[in-house]
Amino acid sequence: MNTSNTSARIGAILYIVWALLHFMAARAVYVLGQTLTPSMMQGRVFQAAWNLMFFSIAAILVAALLNWKNSKWGYWINFSVVGVADVGFILFVLLPGYMPLWPGVLGPVFWLLAVIFSTIGLANNRHDASIGGASNAIAR
């Protein structure tokens, strides 16, 4: 296995870890919503739990089916989907101090690590392809 595939697969695993962490967060948000009286606020909290669950499902599917294979599409889909989820969390939950920095920073850290390894995978894939193309041209 080449370096680009190894890096891409590490990135895929990190996206899956991010998703598993967010399944736990979705459950916690749902449980929080159950403590509220039936209202618009309770509905919005349940919606947030639902959104977290589906961000997680999407991240796992893309990681397993696309990022694992070092797909450019997978790179951009998970970068965007997970990024939208985490940037909103950072802006509206972490920065105002509604959740402690620890363990709140875990999700964004896994996202950033996944992006770093996926980026290395794509960059090395292009580099490997260009080297392979050059060596094939020389062999002719």
Protein backbone atom coordinates (compact mmCIF):
# COMPACT_ATOMS: atom_id res chain seq x y z
CA MET A 1 0.00 0.00 0.00
CA ASN A 2 1.37 3.41 -0.91
CA THR A 3 1.60 6.47 1.32
CA SER A 4 -1.40 8.19 -0.25
CA ASN A 5 -3.69 5.22 0.50
CA THR A 6 -2.39 4.94 4.06
CA SER A 7 -2.97 8.64 4.72
CA ALA A 8 -6.42 8.54 3.13
CA ARG A 9 -7.39 5.52 5.24
CA ILE A 10 -6.18 7.18 8.43
CA GLY A 11 -8.31 10.19 7.44
CA ALA A 12 -11.30 7.89 6.84
CA ILE A 13 -10.85 6.28 10.27
CA LEU A 14 -10.67 9.72 11.90
CA TYR A 15 -13.92 10.73 10.17
CA ILE A 16 -15.53 7.55 11.51
CA VAL A 17 -14.27 8.34 15.03
CA TRP A 18 -15.72 11.85 14.61
CA ALA A 19 -19.05 10.31 13.60
CA LEU A 20 -19.13 7.86 16.53
CA LEU A 21 -18.44 10.75 18.91
CA HIS A 22 -21.34 12.64 17.34
CA PHE A 23 -23.70 9.67 17.67
CA MET A 24 -23.04 9.95 21.41
CA ALA A 25 -23.62 13.71 21.21
CA ALA A 26 -26.90 13.17 19.33
CA ARG A 27 -28.08 10.83 22.08
CA ALA A 28 -27.08 13.34 24.78
CA VAL A 29 -28.92 16.16 22.99
CA TYR A 30 -32.00 13.95 22.60
CA VAL A 31 -31.94 13.09 26.31
CA LEU A 32 -31.62 16.80 27.09
CA GLY A 33 -34.65 17.49 24.90
CA GLN A 34 -36.68 14.96 26.88
CA THR A 35 -36.23 17.07 30.00
CA LEU A 36 -37.93 20.05 28.36
CA THR A 37 -41.64 20.65 28.33
CA PRO A 38 -43.27 20.08 24.93
CA SER A 39 -42.64 23.33 23.10
CA MET A 40 -40.87 24.89 20.16
CA MET A 41 -37.65 24.75 22.19
CA GLN A 42 -38.01 21.00 22.75
CA GLY A 43 -38.74 20.49 19.07
CA ARG A 44 -35.62 22.43 18.06
CA VAL A 45 -33.47 20.44 20.48
CA PHE A 46 -34.86 17.18 19.04
CA GLN A 47 -34.14 18.55 15.56
CA ALA A 48 -30.54 19.25 16.61
CA ALA A 49 -30.21 15.65 17.82
CA TRP A 50 -31.66 14.41 14.51
CA ASN A 51 -29.23 16.59 12.53
CA LEU A 52 -26.25 15.32 14.54
CA MET A 53 -27.33 11.74 13.90
CA PHE A 54 -27.57 12.28 10.15
CA PHE A 55 -24.31 14.25 9.95
CA SER A 56 -22.77 11.17 11.61
CA ILE A 57 -24.39 8.70 9.22
CA ALA A 58 -23.27 10.77 6.22
CA ALA A 59 -19.72 11.05 7.55
CA ILE A 60 -19.44 7.28 8.10
CA LEU A 61 -20.84 6.41 4.68
CA VAL A 62 -18.57 8.86 2.87
CA ALA A 63 -15.53 7.80 4.91
CA ALA A 64 -16.12 4.09 4.31
CA LEU A 65 -17.14 4.29 0.66
CA LEU A 66 -15.09 7.23 -0.67
CA ASN A 67 -12.39 8.51 1.71
CA TRP A 68 -11.09 4.96 2.22
CA LYS A 69 -10.41 4.85 -1.54
CA ASN A 70 -8.82 8.32 -1.52
CA SER A 71 -11.65 9.81 -3.57
CA LYS A 72 -11.56 13.51 -4.38
CA TRP A 73 -15.38 13.56 -4.11
CA GLY A 74 -15.21 11.94 -0.68
CA TYR A 75 -12.60 14.46 0.39
CA TRP A 76 -14.80 17.44 -0.45
CA ILE A 77 -18.06 15.92 0.79
CA ASN A 78 -16.74 15.06 4.26
CA PHE A 79 -14.68 18.23 4.45
CA SER A 80 -17.86 20.24 3.82
CA VAL A 81 -20.47 18.21 5.73
CA VAL A 82 -18.37 17.66 8.84
CA GLY A 83 -17.02 21.19 8.59
CA VAL A 84 -20.52 22.71 8.55
CA ALA A 85 -21.44 20.67 11.62
CA ASP A 86 -18.28 21.55 13.55
CA VAL A 87 -18.04 25.23 12.63
CA GLY A 88 -21.61 25.73 13.87
CA PHE A 89 -20.75 23.87 17.08
CA ILE A 90 -17.61 25.96 17.59
CA LEU A 91 -19.42 29.27 16.96
CA PHE A 92 -22.64 28.62 18.86
CA VAL A 93 -21.66 26.21 21.65
CA LEU A 94 -17.92 26.22 22.37
CA LEU A 95 -17.02 29.89 21.96
CA PRO A 96 -19.91 31.20 24.09
CA GLY A 97 -18.86 28.71 26.80
CA TYR A 98 -22.05 26.60 26.85
CA MET A 99 -19.85 23.50 26.90
CA PRO A 100 -16.44 23.16 28.50
CA LEU A 101 -13.49 23.23 26.12
CA TRP A 102 -12.71 19.69 27.26
CA PRO A 103 -14.25 17.43 26.00
CA GLY A 104 -15.96 19.83 23.57
CA VAL A 105 -12.84 20.30 21.47
CA LEU A 106 -12.64 16.57 20.63
CA GLY A 107 -14.99 16.76 17.63
CA PRO A 108 -13.19 19.66 15.96
CA VAL A 109 -9.80 18.03 16.65
CA PHE A 110 -10.88 14.76 14.99
CA TRP A 111 -12.29 16.75 12.05
CA LEU A 112 -9.05 18.72 11.60
CA LEU A 113 -6.92 15.57 11.85
CA ALA A 114 -9.17 13.83 9.30
CA VAL A 115 -8.81 16.80 6.95
CA ILE A 116 -5.02 16.84 7.37
CA PHE A 117 -4.61 13.12 6.66
CA SER A 118 -7.11 13.19 3.78
CA THR A 119 -5.30 16.18 2.28
CA ILE A 120 -1.96 14.39 2.54
CA GLY A 121 -3.56 11.35 0.89
CA LEU A 122 -4.86 13.37 -2.05
CA ALA A 123 -1.64 15.33 -2.43
CA ASN A 124 0.46 12.15 -2.38
CA ASN A 125 -1.95 10.48 -4.80
CA ARG A 126 -1.35 13.27 -7.33
CA HIS A 127 2.37 13.07 -6.68
CA ASP A 128 2.37 9.25 -7.04
CA ALA A 129 0.38 9.52 -10.28
CA SER A 130 2.75 12.08 -11.76
CA ILE A 131 5.80 10.00 -10.84
CA GLY A 132 4.16 6.89 -12.27
CA GLY A 133 3.32 8.73 -15.47
CA ALA A 134 6.87 10.02 -15.81
CA SER A 135 8.42 6.60 -15.18
CA ASN A 136 6.07 5.01 -17.73
CA ALA A 137 7.09 7.62 -20.29
CA ILE A 138 10.78 6.97 -19.61
CA ALA A 139 10.28 3.19 -19.88
CA ARG A 140 8.90 3.58 -23.41
